[in-house]
Protein backbone atom coordinates (compact mmCIF):
# COMPACT_ATOMS: atom_id res chain seq x y z
CA UNK A 1 -22.93 15.65 31.59
CA UNK A 2 -21.28 16.24 28.21
CA UNK A 3 -18.49 14.51 26.34
CA UNK A 4 -16.74 14.22 23.00
CA UNK A 5 -15.67 10.82 21.68
CA UNK A 6 -13.99 10.02 18.37
CA UNK A 7 -13.89 6.30 17.60
CA UNK A 8 -12.98 6.42 13.90
CA UNK A 9 -11.37 8.96 11.61
CA UNK A 10 -12.71 9.77 8.16
CA UNK A 11 -11.68 12.27 5.53
CA UNK A 12 -12.47 15.92 5.31
CA UNK A 13 -15.31 17.42 3.30
CA UNK A 14 -14.54 21.05 2.47
CA UNK A 15 -17.93 21.51 0.84
CA UNK A 16 -19.91 20.78 4.01
CA UNK A 17 -20.41 23.24 6.88
CA UNK A 18 -18.48 22.07 9.99
CA UNK A 19 -21.69 21.89 12.08
CA UNK A 20 -23.26 19.47 9.57
CA UNK A 21 -20.43 16.95 9.48
CA UNK A 22 -21.14 13.46 10.79
CA UNK A 23 -19.07 11.98 13.65
CA UNK A 24 -15.56 11.20 12.47
CA UNK A 25 -15.72 13.52 9.46
CA UNK A 26 -13.23 16.36 9.36
CA UNK A 27 -12.83 19.94 8.25
CA UNK A 28 -9.15 19.26 7.57
CA UNK A 29 -6.97 16.20 7.04
CA UNK A 30 -3.34 16.33 5.94
CA UNK A 31 -1.02 13.35 5.32
CA UNK A 32 -3.64 11.16 6.98
CA UNK A 33 -3.81 7.49 6.04
CA UNK A 34 -7.37 6.62 7.09
CA UNK A 35 -7.72 3.14 5.65
CA UNK A 36 -8.24 1.29 8.95
CA UNK A 37 -10.23 3.97 10.76
CA UNK A 38 -7.26 5.18 12.79
CA UNK A 39 -5.38 8.39 12.08
CA UNK A 40 -2.05 7.20 10.63
CA UNK A 41 0.70 9.39 9.21
CA UNK A 42 1.93 8.51 5.76
CA UNK A 43 5.61 7.86 5.28
CA UNK A 44 7.45 10.43 3.22
CA UNK A 45 9.61 10.16 0.13
CA UNK A 46 12.76 8.06 -0.20
CA UNK A 47 15.29 8.38 -3.00
CA UNK A 48 15.25 5.45 -5.45
CA UNK A 49 17.00 6.62 -8.62
CA UNK A 50 18.20 9.66 -10.54
CA UNK A 51 17.20 10.10 -14.17
CA UNK A 52 19.36 11.83 -16.76
CA UNK A 53 16.72 12.96 -19.24
CA UNK A 54 16.62 16.74 -19.61
CA UNK A 55 13.40 18.71 -19.23
CA UNK A 56 10.31 18.43 -17.06
CA UNK A 57 9.30 14.78 -16.91
CA UNK A 58 5.62 13.95 -17.41
CA UNK A 59 5.69 10.15 -17.65
CA UNK A 60 7.44 7.46 -15.63
CA UNK A 61 7.35 3.70 -16.17
CA UNK A 62 9.40 0.90 -14.67
CA UNK A 63 10.36 -1.80 -17.17
CA UNK A 64 11.93 -4.65 -15.23
CA UNK A 65 14.57 -2.87 -13.17
CA UNK A 66 14.94 0.03 -15.63
CA UNK A 67 13.16 3.37 -15.39
CA UNK A 68 11.68 4.74 -18.63
CA UNK A 69 10.81 8.43 -18.68
CA UNK A 70 9.42 10.98 -21.12
CA UNK A 71 8.89 14.71 -21.15
CA UNK A 72 5.58 14.08 -22.98
CA UNK A 73 2.31 12.58 -21.76
CA UNK A 74 2.90 8.95 -22.77
CA UNK A 75 0.72 5.87 -22.20
CA UNK A 76 2.69 2.65 -21.72
CA UNK A 77 1.60 -1.00 -21.54
CA UNK A 78 3.37 -4.33 -21.54
CA UNK A 79 2.71 -6.33 -24.70
CA UNK A 80 0.07 -9.08 -24.62
CA UNK A 81 2.22 -11.35 -26.77
CA UNK A 82 2.07 -15.12 -26.40
CA UNK A 83 5.30 -16.76 -25.19
CA UNK A 84 7.05 -13.40 -25.07
CA UNK A 85 10.60 -13.83 -23.80
CA UNK A 86 11.68 -10.26 -24.56
CA UNK A 87 9.34 -8.28 -22.29
CA UNK A 88 7.88 -6.28 -25.17
CA UNK A 89 6.54 -2.88 -24.26
CA UNK A 90 4.28 -0.55 -26.27
CA UNK A 91 3.49 3.14 -25.94
CA UNK A 92 1.76 6.12 -27.54
CA UNK A 93 2.35 9.84 -27.11
CA UNK A 94 5.87 10.11 -28.53
CA UNK A 95 5.10 10.63 -32.21
CA UNK A 96 3.95 7.45 -33.96
CA UNK A 97 2.98 4.52 -31.67
CA UNK A 98 6.11 2.65 -30.62
CA UNK A 99 7.35 -0.63 -29.21
CA UNK A 100 10.58 -1.95 -27.78
CA UNK A 101 11.99 -5.07 -26.19
CA UNK A 102 14.97 -6.53 -24.34
CA UNK A 103 18.22 -5.61 -26.05
CA UNK A 104 16.70 -2.64 -27.88
CA UNK A 105 15.14 -0.58 -25.08
CA UNK A 106 18.42 -0.25 -23.21
CA UNK A 107 20.94 -0.80 -26.00
CA UNK A 108 22.93 1.60 -28.10
CA UNK A 109 24.54 3.50 -25.23
CA UNK A 110 23.14 6.32 -23.15
CA UNK A 111 20.93 6.26 -20.08
CA UNK A 112 17.83 8.12 -21.27
CA UNK A 113 15.70 5.00 -21.49
CA UNK A 114 14.18 3.72 -23.66
CA UNK A 115 17.13 4.29 -25.98
CA UNK A 116 15.72 2.33 -28.93
CA UNK A 117 12.29 1.60 -30.38
CA UNK A 118 10.39 0.78 -33.57
CA UNK A 119 7.09 2.12 -34.83
CA UNK A 120 4.22 -0.28 -34.16
CA UNK A 121 2.71 -2.04 -37.15
CA UNK A 122 3.70 -3.41 -40.52
CA UNK A 123 2.54 -1.50 -43.61
CA UNK A 124 0.97 -3.10 -46.64
CA UNK A 125 2.97 -3.27 -49.89
CA UNK A 126 1.49 -0.60 -52.12
CA UNK A 127 1.57 -2.15 -55.60
CA UNK A 128 0.58 -5.47 -57.12
CA UNK A 129 3.13 -8.13 -58.04
CA UNK A 130 3.71 -8.78 -61.75
CA UNK A 131 3.10 -12.48 -62.43
CA UNK A 132 4.26 -14.10 -65.71
CA UNK A 133 3.81 -17.78 -66.67
CA UNK A 134 6.90 -19.37 -68.19
CA UNK A 135 7.68 -22.77 -69.64
CA UNK A 136 5.62 -25.26 -71.65
CA UNK A 137 2.69 -27.14 -70.19
CA UNK A 138 3.12 -30.93 -69.97
CA UNK A 139 -0.42 -31.30 -71.30
CA UNK A 140 -1.87 -28.17 -72.93
CA UNK A 141 -5.37 -29.66 -72.57
CA UNK A 142 -5.10 -30.32 -68.83
CA UNK A 143 -7.27 -28.44 -66.33
CA UNK A 144 -5.60 -25.12 -65.56
CA UNK A 145 -5.19 -23.25 -62.32
CA UNK A 146 -6.09 -19.60 -62.32
CA UNK A 147 -3.62 -17.96 -59.99
CA UNK A 148 -3.38 -14.55 -58.38
CA UNK A 149 -0.68 -13.40 -55.99
CA UNK A 150 -0.19 -11.05 -53.04
CA UNK A 151 2.73 -10.35 -50.76
CA UNK A 152 3.12 -9.15 -47.18
CA UNK A 153 5.98 -7.67 -45.20
CA UNK A 154 7.26 -9.39 -42.08
CA UNK A 155 9.23 -7.95 -39.15
CA UNK A 156 12.20 -9.56 -37.46
CA UNK A 157 9.84 -10.35 -34.58
CA UNK A 158 7.43 -12.28 -36.79
CA UNK A 159 4.84 -9.51 -37.07
CA UNK A 160 3.02 -9.70 -40.39
CA UNK A 161 1.22 -6.87 -42.12
CA UNK A 162 -1.70 -6.71 -44.55
CA UNK A 163 -1.29 -7.85 -48.15
CA UNK A 164 -0.51 -5.94 -51.30
CA UNK A 165 -3.10 -5.39 -54.02
CA UNK A 166 -3.92 -8.59 -55.89
CA UNK A 167 -1.92 -9.34 -59.01
CA UNK A 168 -3.46 -9.84 -62.41
CA UNK A 169 -4.71 -13.42 -62.87
CA UNK A 170 -2.52 -15.89 -64.76
CA UNK A 171 -3.35 -19.33 -66.14
CA UNK A 172 -0.97 -22.10 -65.08
CA UNK A 173 -0.73 -25.76 -66.11
CA UNK A 174 1.46 -28.59 -64.95
CA UNK A 175 5.03 -28.23 -66.22
CA UNK A 176 5.02 -24.45 -66.05
CA UNK A 177 6.30 -21.98 -63.45
CA UNK A 178 5.37 -18.40 -62.59
CA UNK A 179 7.94 -15.61 -62.48
CA UNK A 180 7.09 -12.89 -59.96
CA UNK A 181 8.68 -9.49 -60.52
CA UNK A 182 8.21 -5.97 -59.26
CA UNK A 183 8.04 -7.16 -55.66
CA UNK A 184 7.65 -4.11 -53.46
CA UNK A 185 10.79 -2.53 -52.02
CA UNK A 186 11.32 -2.28 -48.27
CA UNK A 187 9.23 0.75 -47.26
CA UNK A 188 11.91 1.79 -44.75
CA UNK A 189 11.10 4.07 -41.86
CA UNK A 190 11.50 3.24 -38.19
CA UNK A 191 10.51 -0.40 -38.65
CA UNK A 192 12.33 -3.68 -38.22
CA UNK A 193 11.22 -5.35 -41.48
CA UNK A 194 13.43 -8.12 -42.84
CA UNK A 195 11.30 -10.58 -44.83
CA UNK A 196 8.36 -10.88 -47.17
CA UNK A 197 5.78 -13.59 -47.65
CA UNK A 198 4.28 -14.57 -50.99
CA UNK A 199 0.78 -16.03 -51.18
CA UNK A 200 -1.31 -17.33 -54.06
CA UNK A 201 -4.80 -18.64 -54.59
CA UNK A 202 -4.67 -22.42 -54.24
CA UNK A 203 -7.11 -23.77 -56.85
CA UNK A 204 -8.88 -22.69 -60.00
CA UNK A 205 -11.11 -19.85 -58.82
CA UNK A 206 -10.34 -16.21 -58.16
CA UNK A 207 -12.40 -16.31 -54.94
CA UNK A 208 -10.20 -19.01 -53.39
CA UNK A 209 -8.18 -18.29 -50.25
CA UNK A 210 -4.59 -17.17 -50.46
CA UNK A 211 -2.09 -19.72 -49.16
CA UNK A 212 1.59 -19.30 -48.34
CA UNK A 213 4.02 -19.97 -51.17
CA UNK A 214 7.28 -18.94 -49.52
CA UNK A 215 8.99 -16.57 -47.08
CA UNK A 216 12.00 -14.78 -48.53
CA UNK A 217 14.40 -11.98 -47.66
CA UNK A 218 12.88 -8.52 -48.04
CA UNK A 219 15.80 -7.45 -50.24
CA UNK A 220 14.81 -10.06 -52.85
CA UNK A 221 12.54 -8.44 -55.43
CA UNK A 222 12.02 -11.33 -57.89
CA UNK A 223 10.87 -14.90 -57.30
CA UNK A 224 10.03 -17.96 -59.40
CA UNK A 225 7.08 -19.97 -58.09
CA UNK A 226 7.53 -23.72 -58.60
CA UNK A 227 5.67 -24.78 -55.43
CA UNK A 228 3.11 -27.54 -55.94
CA UNK A 229 -0.41 -26.84 -54.78
CA UNK A 230 -0.19 -29.70 -52.29
CA UNK A 231 2.82 -28.02 -50.67
CA UNK A 232 1.22 -24.64 -50.05
CA UNK A 233 1.29 -23.39 -46.46
CA UNK A 234 -1.05 -21.54 -44.15
CA UNK A 235 -3.94 -19.40 -45.32
CA UNK A 236 -3.28 -15.65 -45.24
CA UNK A 237 -4.42 -14.42 -41.81
CA UNK A 238 -3.32 -10.78 -41.95
CA UNK A 239 -5.76 -9.44 -44.54
CA UNK A 240 -7.05 -6.79 -42.09
CA UNK A 241 -4.00 -6.36 -39.85
CA UNK A 242 -3.60 -2.66 -40.49
CA UNK A 243 -0.94 -0.63 -38.66
CA UNK A 244 -2.31 1.66 -35.95
CA UNK A 245 -3.03 5.27 -36.91
CA UNK A 246 0.11 7.38 -36.66
CA UNK A 247 -1.66 9.70 -34.21
CA UNK A 248 -3.00 6.95 -31.95
CA UNK A 249 -3.08 8.04 -28.29
CA UNK A 250 -4.18 6.79 -24.89
CA UNK A 251 -2.89 3.23 -25.20
CA UNK A 252 -4.77 1.04 -22.70
CA UNK A 253 -4.67 -2.68 -21.91
CA UNK A 254 -7.88 -4.71 -21.65
CA UNK A 255 -8.47 -8.40 -20.88
CA UNK A 256 -8.17 -11.10 -23.56
CA UNK A 257 -5.02 -9.62 -25.06
CA UNK A 258 -6.76 -6.49 -26.36
CA UNK A 259 -5.13 -3.07 -26.54
CA UNK A 260 -7.20 0.06 -27.12
CA UNK A 261 -6.32 3.58 -28.17
CA UNK A 262 -8.00 6.60 -29.67
CA UNK A 263 -7.58 9.28 -32.29
CA UNK A 264 -9.83 12.33 -32.40
CA UNK A 265 -13.34 10.81 -31.99
CA UNK A 266 -12.40 7.20 -32.86
CA UNK A 267 -11.76 4.32 -30.48
CA UNK A 268 -9.37 1.74 -31.98
CA UNK A 269 -8.65 -1.85 -30.97
CA UNK A 270 -5.86 -4.24 -31.83
CA UNK A 271 -6.29 -7.85 -32.90
CA UNK A 272 -6.26 -9.91 -29.66
CA UNK A 273 -2.70 -10.79 -28.63
CA UNK A 274 -1.33 -9.10 -31.77
CA UNK A 275 -0.51 -5.55 -30.67
CA UNK A 276 0.99 -4.67 -34.06
CA UNK A 277 -2.36 -5.26 -35.86
CA UNK A 278 -5.15 -2.67 -35.63
CA UNK A 279 -7.96 -3.53 -38.09
CA UNK A 280 -9.88 -0.55 -39.37
CA UNK A 281 -13.02 -2.67 -39.07
CA UNK A 282 -12.69 -2.63 -35.27
CA UNK A 283 -12.87 1.16 -34.96
CA UNK A 284 -15.89 2.85 -33.40
CA UNK A 285 -16.81 6.52 -33.58
CA UNK A 286 -18.08 8.98 -31.01
CA UNK A 287 -19.88 12.23 -31.68
CA UNK A 288 -17.38 13.95 -29.37
CA UNK A 289 -13.59 14.02 -29.32
CA UNK A 290 -12.07 11.51 -26.93
CA UNK A 291 -9.82 12.73 -24.11
CA UNK A 292 -8.71 9.50 -22.42
CA UNK A 293 -9.38 5.79 -21.92
CA UNK A 294 -9.58 3.48 -18.93
CA UNK A 295 -10.57 -0.17 -18.54
CA UNK A 296 -12.33 -2.14 -15.81
CA UNK A 297 -13.32 -5.77 -16.39
CA UNK A 298 -14.31 -6.23 -20.02
CA UNK A 299 -15.44 -2.59 -20.22
CA UNK A 300 -13.54 0.30 -21.77
CA UNK A 301 -14.52 3.80 -20.68
CA UNK A 302 -13.83 6.53 -23.21
CA UNK A 303 -13.94 9.93 -21.55
CA UNK A 304 -14.72 12.66 -24.04
CA UNK A 305 -15.22 16.40 -24.21
CA UNK A 306 -18.90 15.73 -23.46
CA UNK A 307 -20.74 12.41 -23.17
CA UNK A 308 -18.67 9.41 -21.97
CA UNK A 309 -18.77 6.09 -23.80
CA UNK A 310 -18.79 2.57 -22.35
CA UNK A 311 -17.58 -0.16 -24.71
CA UNK A 312 -17.71 -3.79 -23.62
CA UNK A 313 -17.14 -7.21 -25.12
CA UNK A 314 -14.76 -10.16 -25.17
CA UNK A 315 -13.52 -9.44 -28.72
CA UNK A 316 -13.03 -6.19 -30.65
CA UNK A 317 -15.34 -7.40 -33.41
CA UNK A 318 -18.23 -7.69 -30.96
CA UNK A 319 -17.69 -4.58 -28.82
CA UNK A 320 -20.97 -2.95 -27.90
CA UNK A 321 -20.94 0.80 -27.29
CA UNK A 322 -23.27 2.71 -24.97
CA UNK A 323 -23.26 6.49 -24.84
CA UNK A 324 -23.73 8.10 -21.43
CA UNK A 325 -27.04 9.81 -20.78
CA UNK A 326 -25.45 12.79 -19.02
CA UNK A 327 -22.46 14.82 -20.22
CA UNK A 328 -19.48 14.21 -17.93
CA UNK A 329 -16.54 15.76 -19.80
CA UNK A 330 -12.96 14.99 -18.80
CA UNK A 331 -10.81 18.09 -18.38
CA UNK A 332 -7.40 16.45 -17.77
CA UNK A 333 -6.31 13.26 -19.53
CA UNK A 334 -3.32 12.71 -17.23
CA UNK A 335 -5.66 12.52 -14.22
CA UNK A 336 -7.83 9.71 -15.61
CA UNK A 337 -6.99 6.66 -13.47
CA UNK A 338 -7.96 3.00 -13.52
CA UNK A 339 -8.72 1.97 -9.92
CA UNK A 340 -9.26 -1.66 -10.90
CA UNK A 341 -13.01 -1.74 -10.32
CA UNK A 342 -13.78 1.76 -11.58
CA UNK A 343 -12.40 4.70 -13.54
CA UNK A 344 -12.14 8.18 -12.07
CA UNK A 345 -11.25 11.47 -13.75
CA UNK A 346 -11.68 15.22 -13.18
CA UNK A 347 -14.72 16.91 -14.65
CA UNK A 348 -15.41 20.65 -14.65
CA UNK A 349 -17.70 20.33 -11.60
CA UNK A 350 -15.93 17.59 -9.65
CA UNK A 351 -14.58 14.03 -9.86
CA UNK A 352 -16.42 11.66 -12.19
CA UNK A 353 -16.57 7.92 -11.51
CA UNK A 354 -17.47 5.20 -14.01
CA UNK A 355 -18.06 1.57 -13.03
CA UNK A 356 -20.55 -1.27 -13.51
CA UNK A 357 -23.26 0.99 -12.09
CA UNK A 358 -22.71 3.62 -14.78
CA UNK A 359 -21.38 7.16 -14.57
CA UNK A 360 -21.77 9.57 -11.65
CA UNK A 361 -20.41 12.84 -10.35
CA UNK A 362 -19.00 12.74 -6.80
CA UNK A 363 -21.02 15.56 -5.31
CA UNK A 364 -20.91 17.02 -1.84
CA UNK A 365 -17.15 16.83 -1.31
CA UNK A 366 -16.16 20.19 -2.78
CA UNK A 367 -18.46 23.00 -3.80
CA UNK A 368 -18.17 23.84 -7.52
CA UNK A 369 -16.20 26.98 -6.63
CA UNK A 370 -13.83 25.04 -4.37
CA UNK A 371 -13.25 22.45 -7.07
CA UNK A 372 -12.64 25.10 -9.73
CA UNK A 373 -10.13 26.77 -7.39
CA UNK A 374 -7.98 23.61 -7.52
CA UNK A 375 -7.52 24.18 -11.29
CA UNK A 376 -8.64 20.69 -12.41
CA UNK A 377 -7.19 21.14 -15.91
CA UNK A 378 -3.73 21.07 -14.29
CA UNK A 379 -4.26 17.70 -12.59
CA UNK A 380 -2.27 14.51 -13.07
CA UNK A 381 -3.14 11.47 -10.98
CA UNK A 382 -2.22 7.88 -10.06
CA UNK A 383 -3.59 4.84 -8.27
CA UNK A 384 -2.64 4.41 -4.60
CA UNK A 385 -4.35 1.84 -2.34
CA UNK A 386 -7.25 1.71 -4.84
CA UNK A 387 -7.62 5.45 -4.36
CA UNK A 388 -7.07 8.52 -6.49
CA UNK A 389 -3.81 10.35 -5.79
CA UNK A 390 -4.05 13.73 -7.50
CA UNK A 391 -1.45 16.46 -8.00
CA UNK A 392 -2.55 19.92 -9.12
CA UNK A 393 -1.21 23.43 -9.52
CA UNK A 394 -3.48 26.40 -8.87
CA UNK A 395 -0.58 28.76 -8.41
CA UNK A 396 0.63 26.70 -5.46
CA UNK A 397 1.31 22.99 -6.16
CA UNK A 398 -0.82 20.68 -4.03
CA UNK A 399 -2.04 17.09 -3.81
CA UNK A 400 -4.86 15.04 -2.33
CA UNK A 401 -5.86 11.39 -1.94
CA UNK A 402 -9.51 10.41 -2.39
CA UNK A 403 -11.39 7.13 -2.28
CA UNK A 404 -14.07 6.79 -5.00
CA UNK A 405 -16.84 6.71 -2.40
CA UNK A 406 -15.77 10.18 -1.26
CA UNK A 407 -15.52 9.25 2.43
CA UNK A 408 -11.75 9.48 2.92
CA UNK A 409 -10.20 12.62 1.50
CA UNK A 410 -6.87 13.89 2.77
CA UNK A 411 -4.45 16.48 1.50
CA UNK A 412 -0.90 15.27 0.87
CA UNK A 413 2.02 17.56 1.66
CA UNK A 414 5.28 16.00 0.46
CA UNK A 415 7.26 19.21 0.62
CA UNK A 416 8.17 18.78 -3.06
CA UNK A 417 6.70 19.36 -6.51
CA UNK A 418 5.80 16.10 -8.25
CA UNK A 419 5.63 16.25 -12.06
CA UNK A 420 5.04 12.56 -12.86
CA UNK A 421 4.64 9.21 -11.17
CA UNK A 422 4.04 5.49 -11.52
CA UNK A 423 2.39 2.87 -9.34
CA UNK A 424 3.91 -0.61 -9.23
CA UNK A 425 1.17 -3.14 -10.06
CA UNK A 426 2.75 -5.87 -7.92
CA UNK A 427 3.35 -3.95 -4.69
CA UNK A 428 1.12 -0.88 -5.02
CA UNK A 429 4.08 1.38 -4.25
CA UNK A 430 3.82 4.84 -5.76
CA UNK A 431 6.98 6.36 -7.22
CA UNK A 432 7.10 10.13 -7.65
CA UNK A 433 9.28 12.18 -9.99
CA UNK A 434 10.71 15.20 -8.20
CA UNK A 435 12.99 17.10 -10.56
CA UNK A 436 15.15 14.34 -12.00
CA UNK A 437 14.80 12.02 -9.01
CA UNK A 438 12.56 8.97 -8.62
CA UNK A 439 11.35 8.71 -5.01
CA UNK A 440 9.12 6.08 -3.42
CA UNK A 441 6.19 7.41 -1.41
CA UNK A 442 5.72 5.92 2.05
CA UNK A 443 9.26 4.58 2.41
CA UNK A 444 10.73 7.70 4.00
CA UNK A 445 10.42 9.08 7.51
CA UNK A 446 6.87 9.55 8.73
CA UNK A 447 5.19 12.75 7.67
CA UNK A 448 3.22 14.77 10.21
CA UNK A 449 -0.47 13.91 10.03
CA UNK A 450 -3.01 16.54 11.03
CA UNK A 451 -6.74 16.02 11.44
CA UNK A 452 -9.42 18.45 12.67
CA UNK A 453 -12.95 17.37 13.49
CA UNK A 454 -16.18 19.07 12.60
CA UNK A 455 -18.12 21.00 15.21
CA UNK A 456 -19.54 18.95 18.08
CA UNK A 457 -22.43 20.77 19.76
CA UNK A 458 -22.91 20.32 23.51
CA UNK A 459 -26.34 20.60 25.20
CA UNK A 460 -25.05 23.63 27.12
CA UNK A 461 -21.73 25.44 27.62
CA UNK A 462 -19.27 23.10 29.31
CA UNK A 463 -15.62 22.76 30.17
CA UNK A 464 -14.11 19.51 28.90
CA UNK A 465 -11.59 18.99 31.65
CA UNK A 466 -10.34 15.41 31.18
CA UNK A 467 -9.14 13.35 28.25
CA UNK A 468 -7.62 10.07 27.16
CA UNK A 469 -6.03 9.18 23.82
CA UNK A 470 -4.94 5.84 22.38
CA UNK A 471 -1.88 5.92 20.11
CA UNK A 472 0.93 3.64 19.03
CA UNK A 473 3.50 6.21 20.08
CA UNK A 474 3.63 9.58 21.79
CA UNK A 475 3.71 12.55 22.03
CA UNK A 476 0.59 13.58 20.11
CA UNK A 477 -0.38 17.25 19.89
CA UNK A 478 -4.00 17.98 20.79
CA UNK A 479 -5.62 21.32 20.06
CA UNK A 480 -9.08 21.99 21.40
CA UNK A 481 -11.22 24.73 19.89
CA UNK A 482 -14.21 26.07 21.80
CA UNK A 483 -16.78 28.26 20.10
CA UNK A 484 -14.34 28.78 17.22
CA UNK A 485 -11.36 29.91 19.32
CA UNK A 486 -8.29 27.89 20.22
CA UNK A 487 -8.63 27.11 23.95
CA UNK A 488 -6.04 24.39 24.56
CA UNK A 489 -2.81 23.14 23.00
CA UNK A 490 -1.59 20.10 24.84
CA UNK A 491 1.06 17.45 24.30
CA UNK A 492 -0.37 14.05 25.15
CA UNK A 493 2.50 11.86 26.28
CA UNK A 494 0.82 8.56 27.23
CA UNK A 495 -2.42 6.62 27.20
CA UNK A 496 -3.18 7.69 30.77
CA UNK A 497 -5.92 10.16 31.62
CA UNK A 498 -4.78 13.76 31.24
CA UNK A 499 -6.20 16.97 32.66
CA UNK A 500 -7.19 19.90 30.46
CA UNK A 501 -7.04 23.52 31.61
CA UNK A 502 -9.99 25.14 33.33
CA UNK A 503 -11.16 28.73 33.02
CA UNK A 504 -13.46 28.59 29.99
CA UNK A 505 -16.72 27.05 28.81
CA UNK A 506 -17.92 26.47 25.27
CA UNK A 507 -21.00 25.11 23.55
CA UNK A 508 -19.29 24.09 20.29
CA UNK A 509 -16.07 22.08 20.20
CA UNK A 510 -13.58 21.04 17.52
CA UNK A 511 -10.57 18.78 18.08
CA UNK A 512 -7.33 18.84 16.13
CA UNK A 513 -4.77 16.04 16.43
CA UNK A 514 -1.24 16.09 15.07
CA UNK A 515 1.39 13.36 15.15
CA UNK A 516 3.49 10.82 13.32
CA UNK A 517 2.18 7.56 14.84
CA UNK A 518 -1.13 5.71 14.55
CA UNK A 519 -3.77 7.51 16.62
CA UNK A 520 -6.86 5.69 17.86
CA UNK A 521 -9.78 6.50 20.12
CA UNK A 522 -10.04 9.95 21.72
CA UNK A 523 -12.28 10.65 24.74
CA UNK A 524 -12.94 14.05 26.33
CA UNK A 525 -15.35 14.63 29.21
CA UNK A 526 -16.27 17.07 31.97
CA UNK A 527 -15.15 14.74 34.76
CA UNK A 528 -12.80 11.83 35.30
CA UNK A 529 -15.71 9.65 36.37
CA UNK A 530 -17.61 10.29 33.17
CA UNK A 531 -14.44 9.72 31.13
CA UNK A 532 -13.93 6.29 32.71
CA UNK A 533 -17.53 5.33 31.87
CA UNK A 534 -17.14 6.03 28.15
């Protein structure tokens, strides 16, 4: 006796000959949600919002209840700012790195959000203050203080930048004051600077720390220092709080309040919980240009044009960097995705995965020619159910969903061209941009799932005359291929045993199932008695 039983449904593997596929593996899967082992149809798209920004959208981000969109490839993160009540948001890819917050992002009229932003970072004043001692010392023979001064700029949000060059040293004694002139003018630009801070060395040595003298309006360009040494404030903390490079890209959030980005072959990090401050001392260099970044745990993966980098540590000052032993170049930045426990991106020969076990190429799913035919340089991708949802255009737009183990691959046919998307971190819902519309995936009417098994070889030519199929709803379309030819197309309308047509025998069988409900176990056999025994 001979039979065919499918207990669980896995993804398809186009790079494996149908006769070599294991039970449950497929030669084709479309719109098939295979997470629980059943064959389940994905829900389709449902309209959520319409955007007004002109052009082809490449980036989508939901900020509270507001949709941000860009026609450029933009990387967006929420700000790791302590006690933030304004929902600060930071991004790169739209000129200089930018930030916005409640009241600015959606203010000023218009609906092309964000409507307002400032460049990230506070620049250093460029010239030294002029310090002049005035007045007569109470006791000309008293011990003097040798003072030097610096100033910093301060934003309306309390972000402080690095200091100016140090002033010439002056000698001060009790009874005197110090006039400060030539304070640096507001540097202007797309920054929200409104104050300046003045610091001086606190006691009689030029190597002493700078302490706060006063905070004054940025429009004030002269100041008289009469502050007693005992009344000085905090020590200058922003000595290395450089603004980010103007061409910073790939903004990525890491644990411990750290943001990372890159420029050319440099990886850059911000001061923890201070996303406006990007010390030059924290930068690390690669021998290859960086394409994109992704983080898992305390590890940052920098995908490059050749060898990947893994950088790990709890603080930017102690980040260790390990260069990959094998070149795994990334060919599409927009398709590099953080899956939470790993990073995945398209390489020239197939998907590349990086995790705590290192870097590896997912081989055996597609042949190199099949992968190249998808045009991996065109790919953009997103996280869905801890899997890689990829859109591509090889002349005909397409999409697929792959788990990083390579066991569950299905094509996705939404009947629409998706140019951008965003996955909600709280619900896992994926939102697709179709034209100017934002549509949620899975919320619409069920798509039609289709799944076709590999070849099942019988011991001799047989006629599979009886079947039984478990499903949550019917009908389900069953197609039975024998020796490569379609032999049966049958609508299964219940869980009861059904009879298949006679008149043929085949040695090799393939089964195709198509439906919109969850499909479970399938049994086919030569006789009803054998079917009941399975």
